[in-house]
C-alpha cells in the first residue's frame, strides 16, 4: 500500500501520488498518460497532473488498482 510519507516530491499536489515503491513498470503511464510521467534519471513514475475530469480520475483509479507493487496512493493532500 502506498505511503504518503514516502511519495516522490515531483508528484503534483492533490489526491493521487506515487511513492518510492515504484518499479518503473510503465502500467500507470500506459493507463493514464495524461497524468503520469517517468522520471528519466530516477527510473520511476510520478503524478505530473492531477485528474481534471471524471475520465481522467477513472484512469488514475484504474492505474492505482493495477499497480503491481501498490505504489500509487489516492489519499494525498
PDB file of N, CA and C in Angstrom:
ATOM      1  N   UNK A   1       0.834  -1.174   0.000  1.00  0.00           N
ATOM      2  CA  UNK A   1       0.000   0.000   0.000  1.00  0.00           C
ATOM      3  C   UNK A   1       0.889   1.250   0.000  1.00  0.00           C
ATOM      4  N   UNK A   2       0.548   2.194  -0.867  1.00  0.00           N
ATOM      5  CA  UNK A   2       1.328   3.426  -0.977  1.00  0.00           C
ATOM      6  C   UNK A   2       1.301   4.212   0.333  1.00  0.00           C
ATOM      7  N   UNK A   3       2.411   4.864   0.610  1.00  0.00           N
ATOM      8  CA  UNK A   3       2.556   5.630   1.846  1.00  0.00           C
ATOM      9  C   UNK A   3       2.824   7.088   1.487  1.00  0.00           C
ATOM     10  N   UNK A   4       1.910   7.966   1.881  1.00  0.00           N
ATOM     11  CA  UNK A   4       2.042   9.381   1.558  1.00  0.00           C
ATOM     12  C   UNK A   4       3.345   9.970   2.117  1.00  0.00           C
ATOM     13  N   UNK A   5       3.863   9.398   3.180  1.00  0.00           N
ATOM     14  CA  UNK A   5       5.120   9.874   3.764  1.00  0.00           C
ATOM     15  C   UNK A   5       6.316   9.582   2.856  1.00  0.00           C
ATOM     16  N   UNK A   6       6.164   8.613   1.932  1.00  0.00           N
ATOM     17  CA  UNK A   6       7.255   8.221   1.039  1.00  0.00           C
ATOM     18  C   UNK A   6       7.011   8.621  -0.410  1.00  0.00           C
ATOM     19  N   UNK A   7       6.093   9.563  -0.641  1.00  0.00           N
ATOM     20  CA  UNK A   7       5.795   9.951  -2.023  1.00  0.00           C
ATOM     21  C   UNK A   7       6.933  10.777  -2.604  1.00  0.00           C
ATOM     22  N   UNK A   8       7.094  10.665  -3.921  1.00  0.00           N
ATOM     23  CA  UNK A   8       8.118  11.440  -4.609  1.00  0.00           C
ATOM     24  C   UNK A   8       7.739  12.914  -4.625  1.00  0.00           C
ATOM     25  N   UNK A   9       8.743  13.777  -4.513  1.00  0.00           N
ATOM     26  CA  UNK A   9       8.497  15.216  -4.456  1.00  0.00           C
ATOM     27  C   UNK A   9       7.960  15.776  -5.768  1.00  0.00           C
ATOM     28  N   UNK A  10       8.194  15.095  -6.878  1.00  0.00           N
ATOM     29  CA  UNK A  10       7.702  15.567  -8.179  1.00  0.00           C
ATOM     30  C   UNK A  10       6.190  15.463  -8.322  1.00  0.00           C
ATOM     31  N   UNK A  11       5.543  14.656  -7.488  1.00  0.00           N
ATOM     32  CA  UNK A  11       4.100  14.488  -7.612  1.00  0.00           C
ATOM     33  C   UNK A  11       3.395  15.830  -7.505  1.00  0.00           C
ATOM     34  N   UNK A  12       2.438  16.042  -8.402  1.00  0.00           N
ATOM     35  CA  UNK A  12       1.599  17.243  -8.317  1.00  0.00           C
ATOM     36  C   UNK A  12       0.768  17.146  -7.041  1.00  0.00           C
ATOM     37  N   UNK A  13       0.587  18.263  -6.396  1.00  0.00           N
ATOM     38  CA  UNK A  13      -0.189  18.293  -5.162  1.00  0.00           C
ATOM     39  C   UNK A  13      -1.620  17.861  -5.432  1.00  0.00           C
ATOM     40  N   UNK A  14      -2.129  16.982  -4.581  1.00  0.00           N
ATOM     41  CA  UNK A  14      -3.505  16.520  -4.737  1.00  0.00           C
ATOM     42  C   UNK A  14      -3.690  15.080  -4.313  1.00  0.00           C
ATOM     43  N   UNK A  15      -4.780  14.511  -4.739  1.00  0.00           N
ATOM     44  CA  UNK A  15      -5.237  13.191  -4.309  1.00  0.00           C
ATOM     45  C   UNK A  15      -4.261  12.058  -4.660  1.00  0.00           C
ATOM     46  N   UNK A  16      -3.849  11.979  -5.911  1.00  0.00           N
ATOM     47  CA  UNK A  16      -3.023  10.849  -6.361  1.00  0.00           C
ATOM     48  C   UNK A  16      -1.529  11.154  -6.245  1.00  0.00           C
ATOM     49  N   UNK A  17      -0.751  10.121  -5.975  1.00  0.00           N
ATOM     50  CA  UNK A  17       0.704  10.250  -5.889  1.00  0.00           C
ATOM     51  C   UNK A  17       1.337   8.881  -6.099  1.00  0.00           C
ATOM     52  N   UNK A  18       2.644   8.880  -6.359  1.00  0.00           N
ATOM     53  CA  UNK A  18       3.436   7.651  -6.461  1.00  0.00           C
ATOM     54  C   UNK A  18       4.496   7.718  -5.371  1.00  0.00           C
ATOM     55  N   UNK A  19       4.695   6.582  -4.678  1.00  0.00           N
ATOM     56  CA  UNK A  19       5.717   6.577  -3.630  1.00  0.00           C
ATOM     57  C   UNK A  19       6.948   5.802  -4.077  1.00  0.00           C
ATOM     58  N   UNK A  20       7.895   5.653  -3.175  1.00  0.00           N
ATOM     59  CA  UNK A  20       9.206   5.080  -3.514  1.00  0.00           C
ATOM     60  C   UNK A  20       9.201   3.569  -3.720  1.00  0.00           C
ATOM     61  N   UNK A  21       8.044   2.948  -3.761  1.00  0.00           N
ATOM     62  CA  UNK A  21       7.961   1.516  -4.069  1.00  0.00           C
ATOM     63  C   UNK A  21       7.877   1.263  -5.581  1.00  0.00           C
ATOM     64  N   UNK A  22       7.753   2.325  -6.374  1.00  0.00           N
ATOM     65  CA  UNK A  22       7.587   2.202  -7.828  1.00  0.00           C
ATOM     66  C   UNK A  22       8.751   1.420  -8.454  1.00  0.00           C
ATOM     67  N   UNK A  23       8.400   0.478  -9.322  1.00  0.00           N
ATOM     68  CA  UNK A  23       9.415  -0.338 -10.010  1.00  0.00           C
ATOM     69  C   UNK A  23       9.532   0.031 -11.494  1.00  0.00           C
ATOM     70  N   UNK A  24       8.919   1.142 -11.889  1.00  0.00           N
ATOM     71  CA  UNK A  24       9.033   1.640 -13.257  1.00  0.00           C
ATOM     72  C   UNK A  24       8.503   0.646 -14.284  1.00  0.00           C
ATOM     73  N   UNK A  25       7.359   0.046 -13.986  1.00  0.00           N
ATOM     74  CA  UNK A  25       6.800  -0.968 -14.887  1.00  0.00           C
ATOM     75  C   UNK A  25       6.055  -0.373 -16.076  1.00  0.00           C
ATOM     76  N   UNK A  26       5.700   0.918 -16.027  1.00  0.00           N
ATOM     77  CA  UNK A  26       5.039   1.637 -17.110  1.00  0.00           C
ATOM     78  C   UNK A  26       3.519   1.476 -17.130  1.00  0.00           C
ATOM     79  N   UNK A  27       2.944   0.681 -16.243  1.00  0.00           N
ATOM     80  CA  UNK A  27       1.497   0.464 -16.276  1.00  0.00           C
ATOM     81  C   UNK A  27       0.727   1.765 -16.102  1.00  0.00           C
ATOM     82  N   UNK A  28       1.099   2.578 -15.144  1.00  0.00           N
ATOM     83  CA  UNK A  28       0.354   3.828 -14.907  1.00  0.00           C
ATOM     84  C   UNK A  28       0.482   4.781 -16.082  1.00  0.00           C
ATOM     85  N   UNK A  29       1.650   4.844 -16.684  1.00  0.00           N
ATOM     86  CA  UNK A  29       1.857   5.745 -17.827  1.00  0.00           C
ATOM     87  C   UNK A  29       1.079   5.277 -19.045  1.00  0.00           C
ATOM     88  N   UNK A  30       0.899   3.976 -19.179  1.00  0.00           N
ATOM     89  CA  UNK A  30       0.089   3.429 -20.267  1.00  0.00           C
ATOM     90  C   UNK A  30      -1.392   3.642 -20.002  1.00  0.00           C
ATOM     91  N   UNK A  31      -1.811   3.475 -18.744  1.00  0.00           N
ATOM     92  CA  UNK A  31      -3.218   3.562 -18.371  1.00  0.00           C
ATOM     93  C   UNK A  31      -3.713   4.999 -18.313  1.00  0.00           C
ATOM     94  N   UNK A  32      -2.912   5.884 -17.756  1.00  0.00           N
ATOM     95  CA  UNK A  32      -3.303   7.287 -17.585  1.00  0.00           C
ATOM     96  C   UNK A  32      -2.167   8.211 -18.044  1.00  0.00           C
ATOM     97  N   UNK A  33      -1.901   8.237 -19.352  1.00  0.00           N
ATOM     98  CA  UNK A  33      -0.764   9.019 -19.852  1.00  0.00           C
ATOM     99  C   UNK A  33      -0.908  10.520 -19.661  1.00  0.00           C
ATOM    100  N   UNK A  34      -2.121  11.001 -19.454  1.00  0.00           N
ATOM    101  CA  UNK A  34      -2.317  12.434 -19.225  1.00  0.00           C
ATOM    102  C   UNK A  34      -1.959  12.843 -17.804  1.00  0.00           C
ATOM    103  N   UNK A  35      -1.718  11.866 -16.931  1.00  0.00           N
ATOM    104  CA  UNK A  35      -1.498  12.174 -15.521  1.00  0.00           C
ATOM    105  C   UNK A  35      -0.169  11.680 -14.958  1.00  0.00           C
ATOM    106  N   UNK A  36       0.399  10.646 -15.557  1.00  0.00           N
ATOM    107  CA  UNK A  36       1.645  10.073 -15.050  1.00  0.00           C
ATOM    108  C   UNK A  36       2.775  10.281 -16.047  1.00  0.00           C
ATOM    109  N   UNK A  37       3.951  10.591 -15.537  1.00  0.00           N
ATOM    110  CA  UNK A  37       5.166  10.696 -16.348  1.00  0.00           C
ATOM    111  C   UNK A  37       6.280   9.916 -15.667  1.00  0.00           C
ATOM    112  N   UNK A  38       7.357   9.712 -16.422  1.00  0.00           N
ATOM    113  CA  UNK A  38       8.521   8.985 -15.910  1.00  0.00           C
ATOM    114  C   UNK A  38       9.628   9.963 -15.546  1.00  0.00           C
ATOM    115  N   UNK A  39      10.230   9.755 -14.391  1.00  0.00           N
ATOM    116  CA  UNK A  39      11.448  10.465 -14.038  1.00  0.00           C
ATOM    117  C   UNK A  39      12.574   9.671 -14.695  1.00  0.00           C
ATOM    118  N   UNK A  40      13.145  10.228 -15.754  1.00  0.00           N
ATOM    119  CA  UNK A  40      14.157   9.512 -16.541  1.00  0.00           C
ATOM    120  C   UNK A  40      15.421   9.219 -15.734  1.00  0.00           C
ATOM    121  N   UNK A  41      15.819  10.137 -14.882  1.00  0.00           N
ATOM    122  CA  UNK A  41      17.042   9.939 -14.101  1.00  0.00           C
ATOM    123  C   UNK A  41      16.849   8.917 -12.991  1.00  0.00           C
ATOM    124  N   UNK A  42      15.697   8.951 -12.339  1.00  0.00           N
ATOM    125  CA  UNK A  42      15.457   8.064 -11.205  1.00  0.00           C
ATOM    126  C   UNK A  42      14.830   6.739 -11.568  1.00  0.00           C
ATOM    127  N   UNK A  43      14.223   6.647 -12.763  1.00  0.00           N
ATOM    128  CA  UNK A  43      13.594   5.400 -13.185  1.00  0.00           C
ATOM    129  C   UNK A  43      12.343   5.067 -12.390  1.00  0.00           C
ATOM    130  N   UNK A  44      11.441   6.023 -12.273  1.00  0.00           N
ATOM    131  CA  UNK A  44      10.166   5.795 -11.596  1.00  0.00           C
ATOM    132  C   UNK A  44       9.123   6.750 -12.173  1.00  0.00           C
ATOM    133  N   UNK A  45       7.875   6.451 -11.894  1.00  0.00           N
ATOM    134  CA  UNK A  45       6.775   7.294 -12.344  1.00  0.00           C
ATOM    135  C   UNK A  45       6.358   8.253 -11.246  1.00  0.00           C
ATOM    136  N   UNK A  46       5.669   9.315 -11.658  1.00  0.00           N
ATOM    137  CA  UNK A  46       5.095  10.255 -10.703  1.00  0.00           C
ATOM    138  C   UNK A  46       3.865  10.897 -11.338  1.00  0.00           C
ATOM    139  N   UNK A  47       3.015  11.469 -10.514  1.00  0.00           N
ATOM    140  CA  UNK A  47       1.826  12.161 -10.999  1.00  0.00           C
ATOM    141  C   UNK A  47       2.241  13.583 -11.339  1.00  0.00           C
ATOM    142  N   UNK A  48       2.219  13.912 -12.637  1.00  0.00           N
ATOM    143  CA  UNK A  48       2.606  15.267 -13.017  1.00  0.00           C
ATOM    144  C   UNK A  48       1.396  16.178 -13.146  1.00  0.00           C
ATOM    145  N   UNK A  49       0.190  15.593 -13.228  1.00  0.00           N
ATOM    146  CA  UNK A  49      -1.033  16.388 -13.292  1.00  0.00           C
ATOM    147  C   UNK A  49      -2.162  15.605 -12.641  1.00  0.00           C
ATOM    148  N   UNK A  50      -2.820  16.211 -11.681  1.00  0.00           N
ATOM    149  CA  UNK A  50      -3.966  15.573 -11.041  1.00  0.00           C
ATOM    150  C   UNK A  50      -5.117  15.509 -12.039  1.00  0.00           C
ATOM    151  N   UNK A  51      -6.000  14.511 -11.898  1.00  0.00           N
ATOM    152  CA  UNK A  51      -7.128  14.394 -12.831  1.00  0.00           C
ATOM    153  C   UNK A  51      -8.015  15.631 -12.809  1.00  0.00           C
ATOM    154  N   UNK A  52      -8.450  16.026 -14.000  1.00  0.00           N
ATOM    155  CA  UNK A  52      -9.289  17.212 -14.141  1.00  0.00           C
ATOM    156  C   UNK A  52     -10.666  16.884 -14.710  1.00  0.00           C
ATOM    157  N   UNK A  53     -10.941  15.603 -14.890  1.00  0.00           N
ATOM    158  CA  UNK A  53     -12.241  15.185 -15.414  1.00  0.00           C
ATOM    159  C   UNK A  53     -12.579  13.816 -14.829  1.00  0.00           C
ATOM    160  N   UNK A  54     -13.838  13.424 -14.882  1.00  0.00           N
ATOM    161  CA  UNK A  54     -14.204  12.084 -14.410  1.00  0.00           C
ATOM    162  C   UNK A  54     -13.464  10.973 -15.161  1.00  0.00           C
ATOM    163  N   UNK A  55     -13.210  11.186 -16.457  1.00  0.00           N
ATOM    164  CA  UNK A  55     -12.493  10.183 -17.246  1.00  0.00           C
ATOM    165  C   UNK A  55     -11.047  10.045 -16.768  1.00  0.00           C
ATOM    166  N   UNK A  56     -10.373  11.167 -16.544  1.00  0.00           N
ATOM    167  CA  UNK A  56      -9.001  11.113 -16.042  1.00  0.00           C
ATOM    168  C   UNK A  56      -8.962  10.479 -14.653  1.00  0.00           C
ATOM    169  N   UNK A  57      -9.941  10.817 -13.810  1.00  0.00           N
ATOM    170  CA  UNK A  57      -9.991  10.230 -12.477  1.00  0.00           C
ATOM    171  C   UNK A  57     -10.171   8.715 -12.560  1.00  0.00           C
ATOM    172  N   UNK A  58     -11.025   8.266 -13.466  1.00  0.00           N
ATOM    173  CA  UNK A  58     -11.253   6.825 -13.637  1.00  0.00           C
ATOM    174  C   UNK A  58      -9.977   6.126 -14.098  1.00  0.00           C
ATOM    175  N   UNK A  59      -9.212   6.758 -14.990  1.00  0.00           N
ATOM    176  CA  UNK A  59      -7.961   6.144 -15.456  1.00  0.00           C
ATOM    177  C   UNK A  59      -6.915   6.111 -14.344  1.00  0.00           C
ATOM    178  N   UNK A  60      -6.864   7.157 -13.521  1.00  0.00           N
ATOM    179  CA  UNK A  60      -5.931   7.156 -12.386  1.00  0.00           C
ATOM    180  C   UNK A  60      -6.316   6.069 -11.385  1.00  0.00           C
ATOM    181  N   UNK A  61      -7.593   5.916 -11.142  1.00  0.00           N
ATOM    182  CA  UNK A  61      -8.067   4.864 -10.237  1.00  0.00           C
ATOM    183  C   UNK A  61      -7.710   3.486 -10.797  1.00  0.00           C
ATOM    184  N   UNK A  62      -7.880   3.304 -12.103  1.00  0.00           N
ATOM    185  CA  UNK A  62      -7.518   2.036 -12.742  1.00  0.00           C
ATOM    186  C   UNK A  62      -6.022   1.768 -12.611  1.00  0.00           C
ATOM    187  N   UNK A  63      -5.202   2.812 -12.792  1.00  0.00           N
ATOM    188  CA  UNK A  63      -3.753   2.663 -12.642  1.00  0.00           C
ATOM    189  C   UNK A  63      -3.411   2.274 -11.212  1.00  0.00           C
ATOM    190  N   UNK A  64      -4.050   2.923 -10.249  1.00  0.00           N
ATOM    191  CA  UNK A  64      -3.810   2.598  -8.840  1.00  0.00           C
ATOM    192  C   UNK A  64      -4.151   1.140  -8.554  1.00  0.00           C
ATOM    193  N   UNK A  65      -5.308   0.710  -9.016  1.00  0.00           N
ATOM    194  CA  UNK A  65      -5.754  -0.667  -8.759  1.00  0.00           C
ATOM    195  C   UNK A  65      -4.891  -1.699  -9.477  1.00  0.00           C
ATOM    196  N   UNK A  66      -4.303  -1.312 -10.613  1.00  0.00           N
ATOM    197  CA  UNK A  66      -3.491  -2.254 -11.376  1.00  0.00           C
ATOM    198  C   UNK A  66      -2.022  -2.271 -11.002  1.00  0.00           C
ATOM    199  N   UNK A  67      -1.583  -1.312 -10.219  1.00  0.00           N
ATOM    200  CA  UNK A  67      -0.164  -1.207  -9.868  1.00  0.00           C
ATOM    201  C   UNK A  67       0.305  -2.487  -9.171  1.00  0.00           C
ATOM    202  N   UNK A  68       1.309  -3.175  -9.737  1.00  0.00           N
ATOM    203  CA  UNK A  68       1.732  -4.465  -9.181  1.00  0.00           C
ATOM    204  C   UNK A  68       2.404  -4.376  -7.809  1.00  0.00           C
ATOM    205  N   UNK A  69       2.892  -3.201  -7.445  1.00  0.00           N
ATOM    206  CA  UNK A  69       3.553  -3.058  -6.137  1.00  0.00           C
ATOM    207  C   UNK A  69       2.822  -2.072  -5.223  1.00  0.00           C
ATOM    208  N   UNK A  70       1.620  -1.662  -5.629  1.00  0.00           N
ATOM    209  CA  UNK A  70       0.790  -0.742  -4.842  1.00  0.00           C
ATOM    210  C   UNK A  70       1.533   0.543  -4.490  1.00  0.00           C
ATOM    211  N   UNK A  71       2.230   1.110  -5.472  1.00  0.00           N
ATOM    212  CA  UNK A  71       2.996   2.333  -5.262  1.00  0.00           C
ATOM    213  C   UNK A  71       2.181   3.599  -5.504  1.00  0.00           C
ATOM    214  N   UNK A  72       0.946   3.456  -5.958  1.00  0.00           N
ATOM    215  CA  UNK A  72       0.098   4.617  -6.224  1.00  0.00           C
ATOM    216  C   UNK A  72      -0.908   4.764  -5.089  1.00  0.00           C
ATOM    217  N   UNK A  73      -0.954   5.966  -4.558  1.00  0.00           N
ATOM    218  CA  UNK A  73      -1.903   6.252  -3.489  1.00  0.00           C
ATOM    219  C   UNK A  73      -2.938   7.268  -3.921  1.00  0.00           C
ATOM    220  N   UNK A  74      -4.058   7.294  -3.219  1.00  0.00           N
ATOM    221  CA  UNK A  74      -5.112   8.266  -3.534  1.00  0.00           C
ATOM    222  C   UNK A  74      -5.566   9.022  -2.283  1.00  0.00           C
ATOM    223  N   UNK A  75      -4.681   9.095  -1.305  1.00  0.00           N
ATOM    224  CA  UNK A  75      -5.002   9.799  -0.071  1.00  0.00           C
ATOM    225  C   UNK A  75      -4.044  10.965   0.161  1.00  0.00           C
ATOM    226  N   UNK A  76      -3.545  11.545  -0.941  1.00  0.00           N
ATOM    227  CA  UNK A  76      -2.632  12.673  -0.834  1.00  0.00           C
ATOM    228  C   UNK A  76      -3.381  13.948  -0.487  1.00  0.00           C
ATOM    229  N   UNK A  77      -2.644  14.942  -0.155  1.00  0.00           N
ATOM    230  CA  UNK A  77      -3.270  16.229   0.218  1.00  0.00           C
ATOM    231  C   UNK A  77      -3.209  17.221  -0.932  1.00  0.00           C
TER     232      UNK A  77
END
